[in-house]
Amino acid sequence: QVQLVESGGGLVQAGGSLRLSCAASGRTFRTYTMGWFHQAPGKEREFVAAPSWSGGTTYYADSVKGRFIISRDNAKNAVFLQMNSLTPEDTAVYYCAADRAGASNWPRISYRHIEVWGQGTLVTVSS
């Protein structure tokens, strides 16, 4: 089983940037796709971004395309989310996720079907 630990959330002004990190442990890490979801107050958890296992292909929610960059470092068992040009609408708890489904399926996966979650990290963007 994979365990996930996120870091990097916080408070930032609109237009600013944050970088989230997720470190994975567990012997089966290499069989999992890793990515990010977020959950805004009063809303369901939604897909944000996921990279392919090699990191060569990336997938994003429409709301973050062109602003967020996801990357994966298999040597460090980690995935990163660089968030730029943040807006108050990006305010949410961000969850690192791992699942054996391929990354190309992640934009269509319901959060209910994700196998492993991190504890979440709060990102607050002030206007």
N, C-alpha and C. Protein backbone atom coordinates (compact mmCIF):
# COMPACT_ATOMS: atom_id res chain seq x y z
N GLN A 1 0.85 -1.20 0.00
CA GLN A 1 0.00 0.00 0.00
C GLN A 1 0.89 1.25 0.00
N VAL A 2 0.42 2.29 -0.66
CA VAL A 2 1.14 3.55 -0.74
C VAL A 2 0.61 4.51 0.32
N GLN A 3 1.50 5.23 0.97
CA GLN A 3 1.11 6.30 1.88
C GLN A 3 1.59 7.62 1.30
N LEU A 4 0.77 8.66 1.47
CA LEU A 4 1.06 9.97 0.87
C LEU A 4 1.08 11.05 1.94
N VAL A 5 2.07 11.94 1.81
CA VAL A 5 2.18 13.08 2.73
C VAL A 5 2.39 14.34 1.91
N GLU A 6 1.46 15.30 2.06
CA GLU A 6 1.55 16.55 1.31
C GLU A 6 2.22 17.64 2.15
N SER A 7 2.73 18.63 1.45
CA SER A 7 3.25 19.83 2.09
C SER A 7 3.19 20.99 1.11
N GLY A 8 3.26 22.22 1.64
CA GLY A 8 3.38 23.37 0.77
C GLY A 8 2.18 24.29 0.69
N GLY A 9 1.09 23.95 1.34
CA GLY A 9 -0.06 24.84 1.31
C GLY A 9 0.18 26.10 2.11
N GLY A 10 -0.78 27.02 2.06
CA GLY A 10 -0.65 28.25 2.83
C GLY A 10 -1.52 29.35 2.28
N LEU A 11 -1.23 30.56 2.74
CA LEU A 11 -1.98 31.75 2.33
C LEU A 11 -1.16 32.55 1.34
N VAL A 12 -1.79 32.95 0.25
CA VAL A 12 -1.11 33.72 -0.77
C VAL A 12 -2.09 34.73 -1.35
N GLN A 13 -1.56 35.85 -1.82
CA GLN A 13 -2.41 36.84 -2.46
C GLN A 13 -2.72 36.44 -3.89
N ALA A 14 -3.82 36.94 -4.40
CA ALA A 14 -4.19 36.69 -5.80
C ALA A 14 -3.04 37.10 -6.72
N GLY A 15 -2.78 36.28 -7.71
CA GLY A 15 -1.67 36.51 -8.61
C GLY A 15 -0.37 35.85 -8.19
N GLY A 16 -0.34 35.36 -6.97
CA GLY A 16 0.86 34.72 -6.45
C GLY A 16 0.98 33.27 -6.84
N SER A 17 2.00 32.63 -6.27
CA SER A 17 2.30 31.23 -6.60
C SER A 17 2.53 30.43 -5.33
N LEU A 18 2.27 29.14 -5.44
CA LEU A 18 2.60 28.17 -4.40
C LEU A 18 3.04 26.89 -5.08
N ARG A 19 3.83 26.12 -4.36
CA ARG A 19 4.27 24.82 -4.86
C ARG A 19 3.91 23.77 -3.81
N LEU A 20 3.13 22.81 -4.24
CA LEU A 20 2.75 21.70 -3.37
C LEU A 20 3.63 20.49 -3.67
N SER A 21 3.95 19.77 -2.63
CA SER A 21 4.73 18.55 -2.78
C SER A 21 3.97 17.39 -2.15
N CYS A 22 4.17 16.21 -2.71
CA CYS A 22 3.58 15.00 -2.16
C CYS A 22 4.62 13.90 -2.22
N ALA A 23 4.95 13.38 -1.07
CA ALA A 23 5.92 12.30 -0.97
C ALA A 23 5.20 11.00 -0.72
N ALA A 24 5.57 9.98 -1.46
CA ALA A 24 4.94 8.68 -1.33
C ALA A 24 5.90 7.67 -0.73
N SER A 25 5.37 6.77 0.03
CA SER A 25 6.16 5.66 0.55
C SER A 25 5.39 4.37 0.33
N GLY A 26 6.12 3.28 0.30
CA GLY A 26 5.46 2.01 0.06
C GLY A 26 6.09 1.29 -1.10
N ARG A 27 6.10 0.00 -1.02
CA ARG A 27 6.82 -0.80 -2.00
C ARG A 27 6.17 -0.78 -3.38
N THR A 28 4.89 -0.46 -3.45
CA THR A 28 4.19 -0.53 -4.73
C THR A 28 4.04 0.82 -5.39
N PHE A 29 4.84 1.80 -4.97
CA PHE A 29 4.71 3.15 -5.52
C PHE A 29 4.73 3.17 -7.03
N ARG A 30 5.59 2.38 -7.64
CA ARG A 30 5.78 2.48 -9.09
C ARG A 30 4.59 1.96 -9.87
N THR A 31 3.66 1.32 -9.23
CA THR A 31 2.48 0.84 -9.95
C THR A 31 1.34 1.86 -9.92
N TYR A 32 1.55 2.99 -9.25
CA TYR A 32 0.49 3.97 -9.06
C TYR A 32 0.71 5.23 -9.89
N THR A 33 -0.37 5.74 -10.43
CA THR A 33 -0.41 7.12 -10.89
C THR A 33 -0.63 8.01 -9.67
N MET A 34 0.04 9.14 -9.63
CA MET A 34 -0.16 10.12 -8.56
C MET A 34 -0.64 11.42 -9.15
N GLY A 35 -1.48 12.12 -8.43
CA GLY A 35 -1.96 13.40 -8.91
C GLY A 35 -2.60 14.20 -7.80
N TRP A 36 -3.35 15.23 -8.20
CA TRP A 36 -3.96 16.14 -7.22
C TRP A 36 -5.44 16.35 -7.51
N PHE A 37 -6.18 16.41 -6.44
CA PHE A 37 -7.57 16.84 -6.45
C PHE A 37 -7.67 18.04 -5.51
N HIS A 38 -8.74 18.78 -5.62
CA HIS A 38 -9.02 19.80 -4.62
C HIS A 38 -10.49 19.80 -4.25
N GLN A 39 -10.76 20.35 -3.07
CA GLN A 39 -12.13 20.43 -2.58
C GLN A 39 -12.35 21.80 -1.96
N ALA A 40 -13.17 22.59 -2.64
CA ALA A 40 -13.52 23.91 -2.14
C ALA A 40 -14.67 23.78 -1.15
N PRO A 41 -14.86 24.76 -0.29
CA PRO A 41 -15.95 24.69 0.70
C PRO A 41 -17.30 24.47 0.04
N GLY A 42 -18.02 23.48 0.50
CA GLY A 42 -19.36 23.22 -0.01
C GLY A 42 -19.41 22.51 -1.35
N LYS A 43 -18.26 22.11 -1.85
CA LYS A 43 -18.22 21.45 -3.16
C LYS A 43 -17.61 20.06 -3.06
N GLU A 44 -17.83 19.28 -4.10
CA GLU A 44 -17.24 17.95 -4.14
C GLU A 44 -15.75 18.04 -4.50
N ARG A 45 -15.04 17.00 -4.14
CA ARG A 45 -13.63 16.91 -4.50
C ARG A 45 -13.51 16.74 -6.01
N GLU A 46 -12.61 17.51 -6.62
CA GLU A 46 -12.49 17.51 -8.08
C GLU A 46 -11.05 17.30 -8.52
N PHE A 47 -10.91 16.70 -9.67
CA PHE A 47 -9.61 16.48 -10.27
C PHE A 47 -8.94 17.82 -10.60
N VAL A 48 -7.63 17.88 -10.36
CA VAL A 48 -6.85 19.06 -10.72
C VAL A 48 -5.82 18.73 -11.79
N ALA A 49 -4.95 17.75 -11.49
CA ALA A 49 -3.87 17.45 -12.44
C ALA A 49 -3.25 16.09 -12.12
N ALA A 50 -2.69 15.46 -13.15
CA ALA A 50 -1.97 14.21 -12.96
C ALA A 50 -0.98 14.04 -14.09
N PRO A 51 0.21 13.51 -13.80
CA PRO A 51 1.18 13.21 -14.85
C PRO A 51 1.20 11.72 -15.14
N SER A 52 1.62 11.36 -16.32
CA SER A 52 1.86 9.95 -16.60
C SER A 52 3.00 9.46 -15.71
N TRP A 53 3.21 8.16 -15.67
CA TRP A 53 4.24 7.60 -14.79
C TRP A 53 5.61 8.19 -15.12
N SER A 54 5.90 8.38 -16.40
CA SER A 54 7.19 8.94 -16.79
C SER A 54 7.24 10.44 -16.61
N GLY A 55 6.06 11.06 -16.44
CA GLY A 55 6.01 12.51 -16.36
C GLY A 55 5.97 13.19 -17.72
N GLY A 56 6.04 12.41 -18.78
CA GLY A 56 6.11 12.99 -20.11
C GLY A 56 4.80 13.54 -20.63
N THR A 57 3.69 13.05 -20.10
CA THR A 57 2.36 13.53 -20.47
C THR A 57 1.65 13.99 -19.22
N THR A 58 0.99 15.12 -19.32
CA THR A 58 0.30 15.67 -18.16
C THR A 58 -1.15 15.99 -18.51
N TYR A 59 -2.01 15.93 -17.51
CA TYR A 59 -3.43 16.14 -17.67
C TYR A 59 -3.89 17.16 -16.63
N TYR A 60 -4.74 18.08 -17.08
CA TYR A 60 -5.18 19.16 -16.20
C TYR A 60 -6.68 19.39 -16.33
N ALA A 61 -7.28 19.84 -15.23
CA ALA A 61 -8.63 20.36 -15.31
C ALA A 61 -8.60 21.66 -16.10
N ASP A 62 -9.68 21.94 -16.81
CA ASP A 62 -9.72 23.15 -17.63
C ASP A 62 -9.47 24.40 -16.80
N SER A 63 -9.90 24.39 -15.57
CA SER A 63 -9.81 25.59 -14.73
C SER A 63 -8.37 25.96 -14.37
N VAL A 64 -7.43 25.02 -14.53
CA VAL A 64 -6.05 25.30 -14.12
C VAL A 64 -5.08 25.25 -15.29
N LYS A 65 -5.54 24.88 -16.46
CA LYS A 65 -4.65 24.80 -17.62
C LYS A 65 -3.98 26.14 -17.89
N GLY A 66 -2.69 26.09 -18.15
CA GLY A 66 -1.93 27.30 -18.42
C GLY A 66 -1.44 28.01 -17.17
N ARG A 67 -1.91 27.58 -16.00
CA ARG A 67 -1.48 28.21 -14.75
C ARG A 67 -0.75 27.24 -13.82
N PHE A 68 -1.16 25.99 -13.82
CA PHE A 68 -0.56 24.98 -12.94
C PHE A 68 0.33 24.06 -13.77
N ILE A 69 1.38 23.59 -13.11
CA ILE A 69 2.30 22.64 -13.74
C ILE A 69 2.51 21.47 -12.78
N ILE A 70 2.25 20.26 -13.26
CA ILE A 70 2.46 19.09 -12.43
C ILE A 70 3.68 18.34 -12.93
N SER A 71 4.43 17.78 -11.99
CA SER A 71 5.61 17.01 -12.36
C SER A 71 5.78 15.86 -11.38
N ARG A 72 6.53 14.87 -11.82
CA ARG A 72 6.73 13.67 -11.00
C ARG A 72 8.21 13.34 -11.00
N ASP A 73 8.75 13.02 -9.86
CA ASP A 73 10.14 12.61 -9.71
C ASP A 73 10.16 11.20 -9.13
N ASN A 74 10.34 10.22 -9.97
CA ASN A 74 10.28 8.84 -9.50
C ASN A 74 11.47 8.46 -8.61
N ALA A 75 12.58 9.14 -8.78
CA ALA A 75 13.73 8.87 -7.92
C ALA A 75 13.45 9.28 -6.47
N LYS A 76 12.57 10.28 -6.32
CA LYS A 76 12.22 10.77 -4.98
C LYS A 76 10.84 10.28 -4.53
N ASN A 77 10.20 9.47 -5.35
CA ASN A 77 8.83 9.02 -5.03
C ASN A 77 7.93 10.21 -4.71
N ALA A 78 7.95 11.19 -5.57
CA ALA A 78 7.24 12.43 -5.27
C ALA A 78 6.56 13.00 -6.50
N VAL A 79 5.53 13.78 -6.24
CA VAL A 79 4.86 14.55 -7.28
C VAL A 79 4.70 15.97 -6.78
N PHE A 80 4.77 16.92 -7.70
CA PHE A 80 4.76 18.33 -7.34
C PHE A 80 3.71 19.06 -8.15
N LEU A 81 3.13 20.09 -7.56
CA LEU A 81 2.16 20.92 -8.26
C LEU A 81 2.57 22.38 -8.09
N GLN A 82 3.06 22.97 -9.17
CA GLN A 82 3.40 24.39 -9.17
C GLN A 82 2.16 25.16 -9.59
N MET A 83 1.69 26.02 -8.70
CA MET A 83 0.47 26.77 -8.95
C MET A 83 0.81 28.24 -9.11
N ASN A 84 0.52 28.77 -10.29
CA ASN A 84 0.83 30.16 -10.62
C ASN A 84 -0.45 30.93 -10.91
N SER A 85 -0.34 32.24 -10.87
CA SER A 85 -1.48 33.12 -11.18
C SER A 85 -2.72 32.70 -10.39
N LEU A 86 -2.54 32.49 -9.12
CA LEU A 86 -3.63 31.99 -8.28
C LEU A 86 -4.73 33.03 -8.14
N THR A 87 -5.95 32.55 -8.07
CA THR A 87 -7.12 33.40 -7.87
C THR A 87 -7.88 32.91 -6.63
N PRO A 88 -8.75 33.72 -6.08
CA PRO A 88 -9.53 33.27 -4.92
C PRO A 88 -10.33 32.00 -5.21
N GLU A 89 -10.67 31.77 -6.47
CA GLU A 89 -11.41 30.56 -6.83
C GLU A 89 -10.56 29.30 -6.68
N ASP A 90 -9.27 29.44 -6.52
CA ASP A 90 -8.39 28.29 -6.29
C ASP A 90 -8.35 27.89 -4.82
N THR A 91 -8.96 28.68 -3.96
CA THR A 91 -8.98 28.36 -2.54
C THR A 91 -9.68 27.02 -2.30
N ALA A 92 -8.96 26.12 -1.65
CA ALA A 92 -9.49 24.76 -1.44
C ALA A 92 -8.48 23.98 -0.61
N VAL A 93 -8.93 22.82 -0.15
CA VAL A 93 -7.99 21.83 0.37
C VAL A 93 -7.51 21.00 -0.81
N TYR A 94 -6.22 20.90 -0.94
CA TYR A 94 -5.62 20.13 -2.03
C TYR A 94 -5.16 18.78 -1.51
N TYR A 95 -5.60 17.74 -2.20
CA TYR A 95 -5.29 16.38 -1.78
C TYR A 95 -4.41 15.68 -2.82
N CYS A 96 -3.33 15.13 -2.36
CA CYS A 96 -2.56 14.23 -3.19
C CYS A 96 -3.29 12.89 -3.26
N ALA A 97 -3.26 12.27 -4.42
CA ALA A 97 -3.98 11.03 -4.62
C ALA A 97 -3.12 10.04 -5.38
N ALA A 98 -3.39 8.77 -5.17
CA ALA A 98 -2.71 7.71 -5.90
C ALA A 98 -3.71 6.64 -6.29
N ASP A 99 -3.59 6.18 -7.50
CA ASP A 99 -4.51 5.16 -8.00
C ASP A 99 -3.81 4.40 -9.12
N ARG A 100 -4.20 3.16 -9.30
CA ARG A 100 -3.57 2.37 -10.34
C ARG A 100 -4.15 2.62 -11.73
N ALA A 101 -5.18 3.42 -11.83
CA ALA A 101 -5.68 3.82 -13.15
C ALA A 101 -4.65 4.69 -13.85
N GLY A 102 -4.55 4.55 -15.16
CA GLY A 102 -3.62 5.37 -15.90
C GLY A 102 -3.99 6.84 -15.85
N ALA A 103 -2.99 7.69 -15.99
CA ALA A 103 -3.21 9.12 -15.85
C ALA A 103 -4.22 9.65 -16.85
N SER A 104 -4.30 9.06 -18.03
CA SER A 104 -5.24 9.56 -19.04
C SER A 104 -6.69 9.42 -18.58
N ASN A 105 -6.94 8.53 -17.62
CA ASN A 105 -8.30 8.34 -17.11
C ASN A 105 -8.66 9.30 -15.98
N TRP A 106 -7.65 9.92 -15.41
CA TRP A 106 -7.92 10.71 -14.21
C TRP A 106 -8.88 11.87 -14.42
N PRO A 107 -8.87 12.58 -15.53
CA PRO A 107 -9.85 13.68 -15.67
C PRO A 107 -11.31 13.21 -15.58
N ARG A 108 -11.53 11.91 -15.76
CA ARG A 108 -12.91 11.39 -15.73
C ARG A 108 -13.22 10.58 -14.47
N ILE A 109 -12.22 10.38 -13.64
CA ILE A 109 -12.43 9.54 -12.45
C ILE A 109 -13.15 10.35 -11.37
N SER A 110 -14.16 9.72 -10.77
CA SER A 110 -14.77 10.30 -9.57
C SER A 110 -13.82 10.12 -8.41
N TYR A 111 -13.78 11.10 -7.53
CA TYR A 111 -12.91 11.00 -6.35
C TYR A 111 -13.27 9.77 -5.52
N ARG A 112 -14.50 9.29 -5.63
CA ARG A 112 -14.94 8.13 -4.84
C ARG A 112 -14.17 6.87 -5.23
N HIS A 113 -13.57 6.85 -6.40
CA HIS A 113 -12.90 5.65 -6.87
C HIS A 113 -11.39 5.69 -6.67
N ILE A 114 -10.88 6.78 -6.14
CA ILE A 114 -9.44 6.89 -5.90
C ILE A 114 -9.05 6.01 -4.72
N GLU A 115 -7.93 5.28 -4.87
CA GLU A 115 -7.55 4.29 -3.87
C GLU A 115 -6.90 4.89 -2.63
N VAL A 116 -6.02 5.85 -2.83
CA VAL A 116 -5.20 6.34 -1.71
C VAL A 116 -5.23 7.87 -1.69
N TRP A 117 -5.39 8.44 -0.50
CA TRP A 117 -5.40 9.89 -0.31
C TRP A 117 -4.35 10.31 0.71
N GLY A 118 -3.82 11.51 0.47
CA GLY A 118 -3.05 12.17 1.52
C GLY A 118 -4.00 12.87 2.48
N GLN A 119 -3.42 13.53 3.46
CA GLN A 119 -4.25 14.17 4.49
C GLN A 119 -4.83 15.50 4.05
N GLY A 120 -4.30 16.07 2.97
CA GLY A 120 -4.79 17.34 2.46
C GLY A 120 -3.98 18.51 2.99
N THR A 121 -3.87 19.54 2.17
CA THR A 121 -3.19 20.77 2.59
C THR A 121 -4.02 21.95 2.09
N LEU A 122 -4.23 22.93 2.98
CA LEU A 122 -5.12 24.04 2.66
C LEU A 122 -4.38 25.12 1.89
N VAL A 123 -4.99 25.54 0.81
CA VAL A 123 -4.50 26.67 0.02
C VAL A 123 -5.56 27.76 0.08
N THR A 124 -5.17 28.93 0.55
CA THR A 124 -6.08 30.06 0.65
C THR A 124 -5.52 31.21 -0.17
N VAL A 125 -6.32 31.70 -1.12
CA VAL A 125 -5.90 32.80 -1.97
C VAL A 125 -6.76 34.01 -1.63
N SER A 126 -6.13 35.06 -1.17
CA SER A 126 -6.85 36.27 -0.80
C SER A 126 -6.91 37.24 -1.97
N SER A 127 -8.00 37.99 -2.01
CA SER A 127 -8.19 38.94 -3.13
C SER A 127 -7.57 40.29 -2.81
